[in-house]
Amino acid sequence: MHHVSADAVAAYTAMLPSVTLEQLNALDTCDLPWQRICSNWMHAQTARQMLCATVGMQHEEPVSIDLIHDGPHAIVAGTTGAGKSILLKTWCLTMALHYSPQQLQFVFMDFKGGSTFDSLMQLPHVRGCVSDLQLSHAIRALEALEHELKRREELAAQLGRSDLNDVADVARLVIVVDEFHALHAFLPDYIERLVRVASLGRSLAMHVIVCTQNPLGQVSSSMKANMNLRICLRVQDALQSQELLNSDIAALLPAQPAGTACSTVTQSHPFRVAYCHNDQRLIQHITLAARFLNIAQQPPLFTAPLPAHIPDDLFEMLLNTYQLSPDQAHAALAQSSANPIQPQISSTRSHSSSSTQPQFPELVLGIADNGVSFDLATIDLTQGNVAIIGLPERGKTTTLTTLRKQCHKSSIHFVDDADALLDPMAMSTESQQFREQLANPTHRTLFTVRTTRWLRVPEHAATRLIFPTGDRNTDLADGVPSSLSSLLTAEDISIPGRAVLINAGQARLVQCLGSVPVPLLRLIVPDYPHE
């Protein structure tokens, strides 16, 4: 169908049948779809070299796409309203119906904040989703994909293999990028990361599906060279259709109904994309199938940037993942019983010494960020004392208070505003006791200071929590590494509780716990006797 009229195309497409995804997969009359999904997943274990999905109908023939043999990567083009979202949803859901999260995983990226992936992100197959307009979130996603690519390259080298396509324990990762032109416009410097995935993905079980309104000039020739699978819905002009299909056919497709497409699989003949009648029901049964087969949810490859406030549900999830001990967990969020810390040595100080080295707990600080994802941030007191450094109104005292509530040992002390006590010229009894306390290996002291003028590392503190000031020289002098200091944003300087945790040669950006009304830890770990 290289040279046809618009009327002929309209007459041809009018005869295409409209079917649902449920009908194509024999789920429309199935009372318990999750059972059939389990069967599909078990059968697919022996089909490692296939990633098939029936996505529509071409008269009496179903149209199936095998991303491995027809790809390994794909370009989907179509103007606004042509049905790209319908195709993506049908394609991804169909793959999820036939391949388990152990065999197939998704990363979704929509760089214009659309709703294409709102329902799909609930799939147990999903390892990450960007559906907002935060460039920082998109950058984290692209960096995470590069890390995953390197991880798979290292795994292939360790196994002594040229590729991972036959390794059963390695799930295929399908990266779906909607509104690719927005990525091209906003983050042109990061395009090469996706190009690298497209270049090396074939042997590493990674696949890229790129969706755009205009493939001309937005998808580089090096990227197109690896994208053998091309699907074109209605486009604005013949040049765009020629770019993908070597045919004008996609420019002649009627505007209605949405979801009519041509592809390299169908030799440019139009087909009607199946639509999902009830995507929420299908996703619920896919989730049930994963639970029945005891398939655990995989951790995300990336997360959104650190939040200004730690939501209760996020913190509870991290606590469960971390499997806290009672010492770690007790009262980290319970604030009702603790009094504000005064600018003096804590009354919990004990002058007695122990003949044996005491056991020190690991305290919950908040959440830590590595630039791609975050997890629970803790302070291991076995490493030594802790200095909390920063200007007023940044959250030093709040953080010290939160840490104090988790610990009731007499050998652990909490001191606010300790600058004067660190002054080597100070000869007061309190100053001398404080410095002796810092040097006592059987005790631990957590203290706050405004500056590092008299702070010696590691003699005074092996662990530092630094609230950045925004002045690069000051932050560097306080101990923030230059590589991390250059990445700090205005929000990192202004958000209360945002700090840099430095311990054991590592520096990480953290969001400290603030005023949290619900004592989540008491729901997870039962109370235990205080010392």
Protein backbone atom coordinates (compact mmCIF):
# COMPACT_ATOMS: atom_id res chain seq x y z
CA MET A 1 0.00 0.00 0.00
CA HIS A 2 2.69 2.48 -1.03
CA HIS A 3 0.62 4.53 -3.49
CA VAL A 4 -3.02 4.80 -2.47
CA SER A 5 -5.59 7.54 -2.05
CA ALA A 6 -6.96 8.84 1.22
CA ASP A 7 -10.42 7.56 0.24
CA ALA A 8 -9.08 4.05 -0.30
CA VAL A 9 -7.32 4.10 3.07
CA ALA A 10 -10.49 5.35 4.78
CA ALA A 11 -12.54 2.57 3.18
CA TYR A 12 -9.94 -0.04 4.17
CA THR A 13 -9.66 1.09 7.80
CA ALA A 14 -13.44 1.35 8.18
CA MET A 15 -13.60 -2.43 7.82
CA LEU A 16 -11.03 -3.10 10.53
CA PRO A 17 -12.64 -4.81 13.54
CA SER A 18 -12.65 -3.12 16.95
CA VAL A 19 -11.69 -5.54 19.72
CA THR A 20 -10.70 -5.31 23.34
CA LEU A 21 -7.49 -6.48 24.91
CA GLU A 22 -9.57 -8.80 27.08
CA GLN A 23 -11.08 -10.46 23.99
CA LEU A 24 -7.70 -10.94 22.32
CA ASN A 25 -6.40 -12.69 25.43
CA ALA A 26 -9.58 -14.71 26.12
CA LEU A 27 -10.12 -12.89 29.42
CA ASP A 28 -13.51 -11.36 28.64
CA THR A 29 -15.37 -14.51 29.71
CA CYS A 30 -12.89 -15.59 32.40
CA ASP A 31 -14.16 -15.36 35.97
CA LEU A 32 -10.69 -15.61 37.53
CA PRO A 33 -8.21 -14.02 35.12
CA TRP A 34 -5.36 -14.30 37.62
CA GLN A 35 -5.37 -18.08 37.20
CA ARG A 36 -4.90 -17.78 33.45
CA ILE A 37 -2.22 -15.17 34.01
CA CYS A 38 -0.35 -17.60 36.29
CA SER A 39 -0.58 -20.22 33.55
CA ASN A 40 0.73 -17.76 30.98
CA TRP A 41 3.69 -16.90 33.17
CA MET A 42 4.58 -20.53 33.82
CA HIS A 43 4.40 -21.30 30.10
CA ALA A 44 6.56 -18.29 29.24
CA GLN A 45 9.42 -19.60 31.37
CA THR A 46 10.37 -21.88 28.48
CA ALA A 47 10.14 -19.07 25.91
CA ARG A 48 13.15 -16.96 26.85
CA GLN A 49 13.75 -15.85 23.26
CA MET A 50 10.30 -14.35 22.79
CA LEU A 51 8.57 -11.21 24.03
CA CYS A 52 5.32 -11.39 22.10
CA ALA A 53 2.20 -9.28 22.49
CA THR A 54 -0.96 -9.33 20.40
CA VAL A 55 -1.85 -5.66 20.12
CA GLY A 56 -4.64 -5.46 17.53
CA MET A 57 -6.50 -6.85 14.54
CA GLN A 58 -5.97 -6.66 10.80
CA HIS A 59 -9.33 -7.83 9.46
CA GLU A 60 -9.50 -11.47 10.61
CA GLU A 61 -5.85 -11.74 11.60
CA PRO A 62 -4.49 -10.71 15.00
CA VAL A 63 -1.40 -8.50 14.91
CA SER A 64 1.40 -9.69 17.18
CA ILE A 65 4.65 -7.92 17.98
CA ASP A 66 7.76 -9.72 19.21
CA LEU A 67 9.99 -7.06 20.69
CA ILE A 68 12.99 -9.39 20.55
CA HIS A 69 12.75 -10.54 16.93
CA ASP A 70 11.03 -7.47 15.48
CA GLY A 71 13.10 -5.01 17.54
CA PRO A 72 14.98 -5.09 19.84
CA HIS A 73 13.89 -1.45 20.09
CA ALA A 74 10.90 0.42 18.72
CA ILE A 75 9.76 3.86 17.59
CA VAL A 76 6.10 4.80 17.91
CA ALA A 77 4.99 7.96 16.11
CA GLY A 78 1.65 9.70 15.96
CA THR A 79 0.08 13.11 16.29
CA THR A 80 -1.93 14.20 19.31
CA GLY A 81 -5.11 12.15 19.56
CA ALA A 82 -3.93 9.47 17.15
CA GLY A 83 -3.92 6.78 19.85
CA LYS A 84 -0.33 6.45 21.06
CA SER A 85 -1.52 6.09 24.66
CA ILE A 86 -3.97 3.35 23.64
CA LEU A 87 -1.19 1.45 21.89
CA LEU A 88 1.27 1.80 24.76
CA LYS A 89 -1.24 0.69 27.36
CA THR A 90 -2.37 -2.32 25.30
CA TRP A 91 1.17 -3.32 24.42
CA CYS A 92 2.54 -3.12 27.96
CA LEU A 93 -0.49 -4.75 29.59
CA THR A 94 -0.42 -7.62 27.10
CA MET A 95 3.25 -8.27 27.79
CA ALA A 96 2.52 -8.16 31.54
CA LEU A 97 -0.28 -10.70 31.06
CA HIS A 98 2.12 -13.19 29.48
CA TYR A 99 5.43 -12.56 31.26
CA SER A 100 5.97 -12.44 35.02
CA PRO A 101 7.90 -9.72 36.89
CA GLN A 102 10.76 -12.21 37.09
CA GLN A 103 10.91 -12.28 33.29
CA LEU A 104 9.85 -8.77 32.34
CA GLN A 105 10.19 -5.38 34.01
CA PHE A 106 9.25 -1.86 32.96
CA VAL A 107 10.54 1.66 33.36
CA PHE A 108 8.08 4.34 32.26
CA MET A 109 9.07 7.91 31.44
CA ASP A 110 6.65 10.62 30.36
CA PHE A 111 8.40 13.96 30.04
CA LYS A 112 5.29 16.09 29.63
CA GLY A 113 3.43 15.04 32.76
CA GLY A 114 0.69 13.14 30.95
CA SER A 115 -1.55 10.39 32.28
CA THR A 116 -0.40 7.60 29.96
CA PHE A 117 1.28 5.63 32.73
CA ASP A 118 -1.04 6.48 35.63
CA SER A 119 -2.55 2.99 35.70
CA LEU A 120 0.44 1.06 34.32
CA MET A 121 2.70 2.22 37.15
CA GLN A 122 0.65 -0.01 39.49
CA LEU A 123 1.92 -3.15 37.73
CA PRO A 124 4.21 -5.37 39.83
CA HIS A 125 6.59 -5.33 36.85
CA VAL A 126 7.41 -1.63 37.24
CA ARG A 127 10.91 -0.65 38.42
CA GLY A 128 10.44 3.09 38.05
CA CYS A 129 8.17 5.77 36.62
CA VAL A 130 8.63 9.43 35.76
CA SER A 131 5.29 11.10 35.13
CA ASP A 132 5.94 14.66 36.23
CA LEU A 133 7.72 17.69 34.86
CA GLN A 134 10.62 17.68 37.33
CA LEU A 135 13.83 17.66 35.33
CA SER A 136 15.70 16.43 38.41
CA HIS A 137 13.44 13.36 38.49
CA ALA A 138 14.09 12.69 34.80
CA ILE A 139 17.84 13.04 35.27
CA ARG A 140 17.76 10.51 38.12
CA ALA A 141 15.89 8.07 35.88
CA LEU A 142 18.38 8.40 33.03
CA GLU A 143 21.34 8.02 35.38
CA ALA A 144 19.70 4.95 36.92
CA LEU A 145 19.36 3.37 33.48
CA GLU A 146 23.04 3.99 32.86
CA HIS A 147 23.87 2.34 36.20
CA GLU A 148 21.68 -0.64 35.29
CA LEU A 149 23.41 -0.92 31.92
CA LYS A 150 26.81 -0.99 33.62
CA ARG A 151 25.55 -3.52 36.16
CA ARG A 152 24.43 -5.83 33.39
CA GLU A 153 27.70 -5.38 31.51
CA GLU A 154 29.60 -6.37 34.66
CA LEU A 155 27.30 -9.35 35.19
CA ALA A 156 27.91 -10.56 31.64
CA ALA A 157 31.66 -10.24 32.19
CA GLN A 158 31.47 -12.17 35.48
CA LEU A 159 29.51 -14.95 33.79
CA GLY A 160 31.93 -15.01 30.87
CA ARG A 161 29.12 -14.44 28.38
CA SER A 162 28.76 -12.13 25.42
CA ASP A 163 25.11 -11.47 26.24
CA LEU A 164 22.47 -12.07 28.90
CA ASN A 165 19.59 -13.16 26.70
CA ASP A 166 19.80 -16.77 27.83
CA VAL A 167 20.33 -16.05 31.53
CA ALA A 168 17.07 -16.99 33.24
CA ASP A 169 17.71 -14.91 36.36
CA VAL A 170 17.98 -11.67 34.38
CA ALA A 171 14.64 -10.04 33.64
CA ARG A 172 14.16 -8.19 30.38
CA LEU A 173 13.90 -4.47 31.03
CA VAL A 174 11.58 -2.53 28.71
CA ILE A 175 12.06 1.24 28.87
CA VAL A 176 9.06 3.15 27.52
CA VAL A 177 9.62 6.84 26.79
CA ASP A 178 6.54 8.90 25.93
CA GLU A 179 6.80 12.41 24.50
CA PHE A 180 10.43 11.82 23.53
CA HIS A 181 10.58 15.23 21.87
CA ALA A 182 10.23 16.82 25.33
CA LEU A 183 13.31 14.94 26.55
CA HIS A 184 15.12 16.08 23.42
CA ALA A 185 14.14 19.70 24.13
CA PHE A 186 14.71 19.87 27.90
CA LEU A 187 17.62 17.47 28.45
CA PRO A 188 19.58 17.25 25.18
CA ASP A 189 22.80 16.40 27.04
CA TYR A 190 21.21 13.22 28.40
CA ILE A 191 20.04 11.82 25.07
CA GLU A 192 23.31 9.94 24.69
CA ARG A 193 22.45 7.82 27.72
CA LEU A 194 19.41 6.45 25.94
CA VAL A 195 21.42 6.05 22.74
CA ARG A 196 23.92 3.95 24.68
CA VAL A 197 21.12 1.77 26.04
CA ALA A 198 19.76 1.33 22.52
CA SER A 199 23.22 0.47 21.18
CA LEU A 200 24.11 -2.10 23.84
CA GLY A 201 20.69 -3.21 25.00
CA ARG A 202 20.24 -6.07 22.54
CA SER A 203 22.85 -8.22 24.26
CA LEU A 204 21.92 -7.09 27.78
CA ALA A 205 18.18 -7.85 27.65
CA MET A 206 17.24 -4.16 27.63
CA HIS A 207 14.71 -2.72 25.19
CA VAL A 208 13.67 0.86 24.42
CA ILE A 209 10.29 1.99 23.10
CA VAL A 210 10.37 5.66 22.10
CA CYS A 211 7.17 7.58 21.37
CA THR A 212 7.10 10.93 19.64
CA GLN A 213 4.82 13.18 17.63
CA ASN A 214 7.46 13.98 15.04
CA PRO A 215 10.26 11.47 14.34
CA LEU A 216 11.99 13.87 11.96
CA GLY A 217 14.94 15.52 13.68
CA GLN A 218 14.04 14.27 17.15
CA VAL A 219 15.36 10.73 16.96
CA SER A 220 19.02 10.60 15.96
CA SER A 221 20.24 8.40 13.15
CA SER A 222 22.39 6.40 15.58
CA MET A 223 19.30 5.67 17.66
CA LYS A 224 17.14 4.82 14.64
CA ALA A 225 19.78 2.40 13.41
CA ASN A 226 18.99 0.15 16.38
CA MET A 227 15.21 0.53 16.14
CA ASN A 228 14.02 -1.92 13.53
CA LEU A 229 10.46 -1.99 14.85
CA ARG A 230 8.48 1.06 13.76
CA ILE A 231 4.83 1.72 14.45
CA CYS A 232 3.18 4.78 12.97
CA LEU A 233 -0.27 6.05 13.83
CA ARG A 234 -1.71 9.06 12.03
CA VAL A 235 0.94 11.72 11.40
CA GLN A 236 0.75 15.26 10.05
CA ASP A 237 2.54 14.84 6.73
CA ALA A 238 3.92 12.29 4.34
CA LEU A 239 7.55 13.05 5.21
CA GLN A 240 7.10 11.71 8.74
CA SER A 241 5.42 8.58 7.42
CA GLN A 242 8.20 8.08 4.87
CA GLU A 243 10.78 8.50 7.62
CA LEU A 244 9.51 5.45 9.48
CA LEU A 245 7.71 3.27 6.94
CA ASN A 246 9.08 4.32 3.54
CA SER A 247 5.44 4.94 2.66
CA ASP A 248 2.92 7.80 2.78
CA ILE A 249 0.27 5.55 4.30
CA ALA A 250 0.37 6.88 7.89
CA ALA A 251 -0.33 10.44 6.70
CA LEU A 252 -3.52 9.18 5.03
CA LEU A 253 -4.98 7.45 8.08
CA PRO A 254 -8.32 8.94 9.21
CA ALA A 255 -8.46 10.95 12.42
CA GLN A 256 -11.24 8.75 13.81
CA PRO A 257 -11.35 6.29 15.31
CA ALA A 258 -8.13 6.72 17.27
CA GLY A 259 -5.85 3.72 17.39
CA THR A 260 -5.40 2.91 13.69
CA ALA A 261 -1.75 2.22 12.93
CA CYS A 262 0.74 0.86 10.43
CA SER A 263 3.98 -0.90 11.23
CA THR A 264 6.98 -2.67 9.80
CA VAL A 265 5.48 -5.90 11.16
CA THR A 266 2.37 -5.54 8.96
CA GLN A 267 4.31 -4.36 5.90
CA SER A 268 2.72 -0.93 6.37
CA HIS A 269 -0.82 -2.30 6.11
CA PRO A 270 -3.14 -0.60 8.63
CA PHE A 271 -4.45 -2.42 11.69
CA ARG A 272 -6.73 -1.47 14.55
CA VAL A 273 -5.13 -1.34 18.00
CA ALA A 274 -7.07 -3.22 20.66
CA TYR A 275 -8.27 -1.12 23.58
CA CYS A 276 -8.44 -2.12 27.22
CA HIS A 277 -12.00 -2.33 28.53
CA ASN A 278 -11.04 -2.30 32.23
CA ASP A 279 -7.36 -1.77 32.89
CA GLN A 280 -7.78 -1.56 36.68
CA ARG A 281 -9.36 -5.02 36.78
CA LEU A 282 -6.55 -6.50 34.70
CA ILE A 283 -3.87 -4.89 36.85
CA GLN A 284 -5.56 -6.18 40.01
CA HIS A 285 -5.51 -9.74 38.63
CA ILE A 286 -1.90 -9.39 37.48
CA THR A 287 -1.04 -8.32 41.03
CA LEU A 288 -2.99 -11.27 42.43
CA ALA A 289 -1.06 -13.63 40.17
CA ALA A 290 2.24 -12.24 41.43
CA ARG A 291 1.13 -12.70 45.04
CA PHE A 292 -0.10 -16.24 44.41
CA LEU A 293 3.26 -17.20 42.89
CA ASN A 294 5.04 -15.40 45.75
CA ILE A 295 6.87 -13.05 43.40
CA ALA A 296 8.29 -10.22 45.48
CA GLN A 297 8.09 -6.63 44.32
CA GLN A 298 11.50 -5.56 43.05
CA PRO A 299 13.04 -2.38 44.49
CA PRO A 300 12.86 0.66 42.23
CA LEU A 301 15.82 1.50 40.02
CA PHE A 302 15.31 5.16 40.88
CA THR A 303 13.14 7.39 43.00
CA ALA A 304 11.93 10.95 42.92
CA PRO A 305 14.24 13.54 44.54
CA LEU A 306 14.27 13.80 48.32
CA PRO A 307 10.99 15.17 49.67
CA ALA A 308 10.93 18.26 51.87
CA HIS A 309 8.83 16.28 54.34
CA ILE A 310 8.98 12.52 54.86
CA PRO A 311 5.49 11.04 54.38
CA ASP A 312 4.41 8.47 56.97
CA ASP A 313 3.78 5.76 54.36
CA LEU A 314 7.22 6.19 52.79
CA PHE A 315 8.95 6.04 56.16
CA GLU A 316 6.97 2.98 57.20
CA MET A 317 7.96 1.23 53.97
CA LEU A 318 11.63 1.99 54.56
CA LEU A 319 11.42 0.78 58.15
CA ASN A 320 9.89 -2.51 57.04
CA THR A 321 12.54 -2.91 54.35
CA TYR A 322 15.35 -2.15 56.79
CA GLN A 323 14.12 -4.65 59.42
CA LEU A 324 14.97 -2.55 62.43
CA SER A 325 16.02 -3.92 65.77
CA PRO A 326 14.31 -2.61 68.92
CA ASP A 327 17.25 -0.33 69.71
CA GLN A 328 17.00 1.22 66.27
CA ALA A 329 13.28 1.54 66.21
CA HIS A 330 12.12 2.56 69.65
CA ALA A 331 10.37 5.93 69.71
CA ALA A 332 12.00 7.43 66.61
CA LEU A 333 8.74 9.11 65.78
CA ALA A 334 7.16 9.40 69.23
CA GLN A 335 7.58 12.96 70.37
CA SER A 336 5.06 13.29 73.14
CA SER A 337 7.27 12.08 75.98
CA ALA A 338 10.48 13.97 75.20
CA ASN A 339 11.39 17.42 76.47
CA PRO A 340 13.26 19.94 74.30
CA ILE A 341 17.01 19.66 74.60
CA GLN A 342 18.60 22.49 76.53
CA PRO A 343 21.94 24.08 75.59
CA GLN A 344 23.86 22.07 78.16
CA ILE A 345 25.18 18.58 78.75
CA SER A 346 22.34 16.10 78.77
CA SER A 347 21.14 14.96 82.17
CA THR A 348 21.51 11.38 80.98
CA ARG A 349 25.29 11.67 81.42
CA SER A 350 26.82 9.13 83.77
CA HIS A 351 30.18 9.57 85.50
CA SER A 352 30.64 5.87 85.99
CA SER A 353 32.80 3.89 83.64
CA SER A 354 32.42 0.37 82.41
CA SER A 355 35.13 -2.22 82.26
CA THR A 356 33.75 -3.62 79.03
CA GLN A 357 32.97 -1.89 75.76
CA PRO A 358 29.21 -1.26 75.67
CA GLN A 359 27.02 -2.01 72.69
CA PHE A 360 25.78 1.10 70.93
CA PRO A 361 22.60 1.25 68.86
CA GLU A 362 22.01 2.39 65.30
CA LEU A 363 19.72 5.42 65.30
CA VAL A 364 17.22 6.35 62.60
CA LEU A 365 18.04 9.73 61.05
CA GLY A 366 15.70 9.96 58.05
CA ILE A 367 16.17 9.07 54.40
CA ALA A 368 19.40 9.26 52.39
CA ASP A 369 19.88 9.96 48.71
CA ASN A 370 22.63 8.64 46.44
CA GLY A 371 21.62 10.74 43.43
CA VAL A 372 19.45 8.01 41.92
CA SER A 373 17.41 6.49 44.73
CA PHE A 374 17.07 6.77 48.48
CA ASP A 375 16.85 4.47 51.44
CA LEU A 376 16.82 4.67 55.22
CA ALA A 377 19.50 6.89 56.74
CA THR A 378 20.89 5.68 60.05
CA ILE A 379 23.73 6.64 62.38
CA ASP A 380 25.83 3.79 63.76
CA LEU A 381 27.09 4.93 67.14
CA THR A 382 29.72 2.20 67.23
CA GLN A 383 31.68 4.42 64.83
CA GLY A 384 32.06 7.17 67.43
CA ASN A 385 30.64 10.55 68.39
CA VAL A 386 28.33 12.58 66.15
CA ALA A 387 28.64 16.29 65.35
CA ILE A 388 25.60 18.09 63.93
CA ILE A 389 26.81 21.28 62.24
CA GLY A 390 24.74 24.18 60.94
CA LEU A 391 23.30 27.63 61.33
CA PRO A 392 20.13 28.35 63.34
CA GLU A 393 16.71 27.45 61.92
CA ARG A 394 18.09 24.60 59.80
CA GLY A 395 16.89 21.75 62.02
CA LYS A 396 19.89 20.90 64.22
CA THR A 397 18.00 20.82 67.51
CA THR A 398 14.99 19.05 65.98
CA THR A 399 17.29 16.35 64.62
CA LEU A 400 19.09 15.99 67.94
CA THR A 401 15.74 15.69 69.70
CA THR A 402 14.56 13.00 67.30
CA LEU A 403 17.74 10.99 67.82
CA ARG A 404 17.51 11.38 71.59
CA LYS A 405 14.03 9.86 71.70
CA GLN A 406 15.37 6.63 70.23
CA CYS A 407 18.01 6.07 72.88
CA HIS A 408 17.76 5.66 76.65
CA LYS A 409 21.25 4.44 77.50
CA SER A 410 23.15 6.24 80.22
CA SER A 411 26.38 6.05 78.21
CA ILE A 412 24.97 8.15 75.37
CA HIS A 413 24.83 11.93 75.79
CA PHE A 414 23.09 14.67 73.86
CA VAL A 415 24.35 18.27 73.92
CA ASP A 416 22.93 21.28 72.09
CA ASP A 417 24.96 24.41 71.23
CA ALA A 418 28.35 22.96 72.15
CA ASP A 419 30.54 25.58 70.41
CA ALA A 420 31.68 27.18 73.66
CA LEU A 421 32.33 23.78 75.24
CA LEU A 422 34.71 22.84 72.39
CA ASP A 423 36.80 26.00 72.81
CA PRO A 424 40.23 24.70 73.91
CA MET A 425 40.72 27.86 75.97
CA ALA A 426 37.53 27.28 77.96
CA MET A 427 38.43 26.07 81.46
CA SER A 428 35.00 25.76 83.06
CA THR A 429 34.11 22.48 84.75
CA GLU A 430 31.40 21.90 82.19
CA SER A 431 33.82 22.39 79.26
CA GLN A 432 36.40 20.04 80.72
CA GLN A 433 33.76 17.39 81.44
CA PHE A 434 32.48 17.69 77.89
CA ARG A 435 35.93 17.22 76.34
CA GLU A 436 36.60 14.25 78.64
CA GLN A 437 33.27 12.83 77.60
CA LEU A 438 34.23 13.08 73.91
CA ALA A 439 37.46 11.19 74.59
CA ASN A 440 35.80 8.41 76.60
CA PRO A 441 35.68 5.29 74.36
CA THR A 442 32.91 3.73 76.47
CA HIS A 443 30.57 6.68 75.91
CA ARG A 444 29.09 8.38 72.88
CA THR A 445 28.15 12.04 72.52
CA LEU A 446 25.87 13.61 69.93
CA PHE A 447 26.20 17.40 69.87
CA THR A 448 25.34 20.43 67.76
CA VAL A 449 27.62 23.31 66.79
CA ARG A 450 27.25 26.37 64.58
CA THR A 451 30.73 26.14 63.05
CA THR A 452 33.62 23.70 62.79
CA ARG A 453 36.11 26.24 64.20
CA TRP A 454 37.16 24.04 67.12
CA LEU A 455 35.94 20.69 65.84
CA ARG A 456 38.60 18.05 65.27
CA VAL A 457 37.81 15.05 63.07
CA PRO A 458 37.83 12.20 63.97
CA GLU A 459 38.94 12.93 67.54
CA HIS A 460 35.78 14.81 68.46
CA ALA A 461 33.37 13.17 66.00
CA ALA A 462 33.70 10.31 63.54
CA THR A 463 30.29 11.09 62.03
CA ARG A 464 29.22 14.55 60.87
CA LEU A 465 25.81 15.80 59.86
CA ILE A 466 26.31 19.11 58.05
CA PHE A 467 23.52 21.52 57.18
CA PRO A 468 24.91 23.40 54.17
CA THR A 469 24.97 27.19 54.26
CA GLY A 470 24.97 27.91 50.54
CA ASP A 471 28.41 29.51 50.75
CA ARG A 472 30.70 27.11 48.93
CA ASN A 473 33.86 27.99 50.88
CA THR A 474 32.08 27.59 54.22
CA ASP A 475 30.53 24.28 53.19
CA LEU A 476 33.88 22.96 51.96
CA ALA A 477 35.51 24.02 55.23
CA ASP A 478 32.79 22.25 57.19
CA GLY A 479 33.53 19.05 55.30
CA VAL A 480 31.03 18.86 52.43
CA PRO A 481 32.89 17.27 49.46
CA SER A 482 33.26 19.58 46.46
CA SER A 483 31.61 17.01 44.18
CA LEU A 484 28.49 17.08 46.34
CA SER A 485 28.60 20.80 47.09
CA SER A 486 28.39 21.61 43.38
CA LEU A 487 25.17 19.59 43.11
CA LEU A 488 23.34 21.31 45.94
CA THR A 489 20.30 23.30 44.85
CA ALA A 490 18.61 26.31 46.40
CA GLU A 491 16.05 23.92 47.90
CA ASP A 492 18.80 21.89 49.56
CA ILE A 493 19.98 25.06 51.28
CA SER A 494 16.56 26.28 52.39
CA ILE A 495 14.61 23.14 53.34
CA PRO A 496 14.74 22.49 57.10
CA GLY A 497 16.25 19.10 57.86
CA ARG A 498 18.18 18.83 54.56
CA ALA A 499 21.78 17.94 55.36
CA VAL A 500 24.89 16.05 54.30
CA LEU A 501 25.75 12.91 56.29
CA ILE A 502 29.47 12.08 56.32
CA ASN A 503 30.67 8.80 57.76
CA ALA A 504 33.27 6.17 56.89
CA GLY A 505 34.52 8.17 53.93
CA GLN A 506 31.07 8.50 52.35
CA ALA A 507 28.93 11.61 51.95
CA ARG A 508 25.21 11.45 51.24
CA LEU A 509 22.44 14.00 51.07
CA VAL A 510 19.75 13.24 53.66
CA GLN A 511 16.37 14.52 54.74
CA CYS A 512 16.17 14.30 58.51
CA LEU A 513 13.05 13.38 60.39
CA GLY A 514 11.09 16.38 61.52
CA SER A 515 7.90 16.71 63.50
CA VAL A 516 6.04 13.48 62.77
CA PRO A 517 2.77 13.04 64.68
CA VAL A 518 2.23 9.32 64.16
CA PRO A 519 4.55 6.94 66.08
CA LEU A 520 4.95 4.49 63.23
CA LEU A 521 7.80 2.66 64.87
CA ARG A 522 5.58 1.55 67.72
CA LEU A 523 3.37 -0.15 65.15
CA ILE A 524 6.32 -2.14 63.81
CA VAL A 525 8.48 -2.89 66.84
CA PRO A 526 7.02 -3.51 70.31
CA ASP A 527 8.19 -1.41 73.24
CA TYR A 528 11.17 -2.65 75.22
CA PRO A 529 12.61 -1.84 78.65
CA HIS A 530 14.78 1.26 78.91
CA GLU A 531 18.21 1.08 80.42
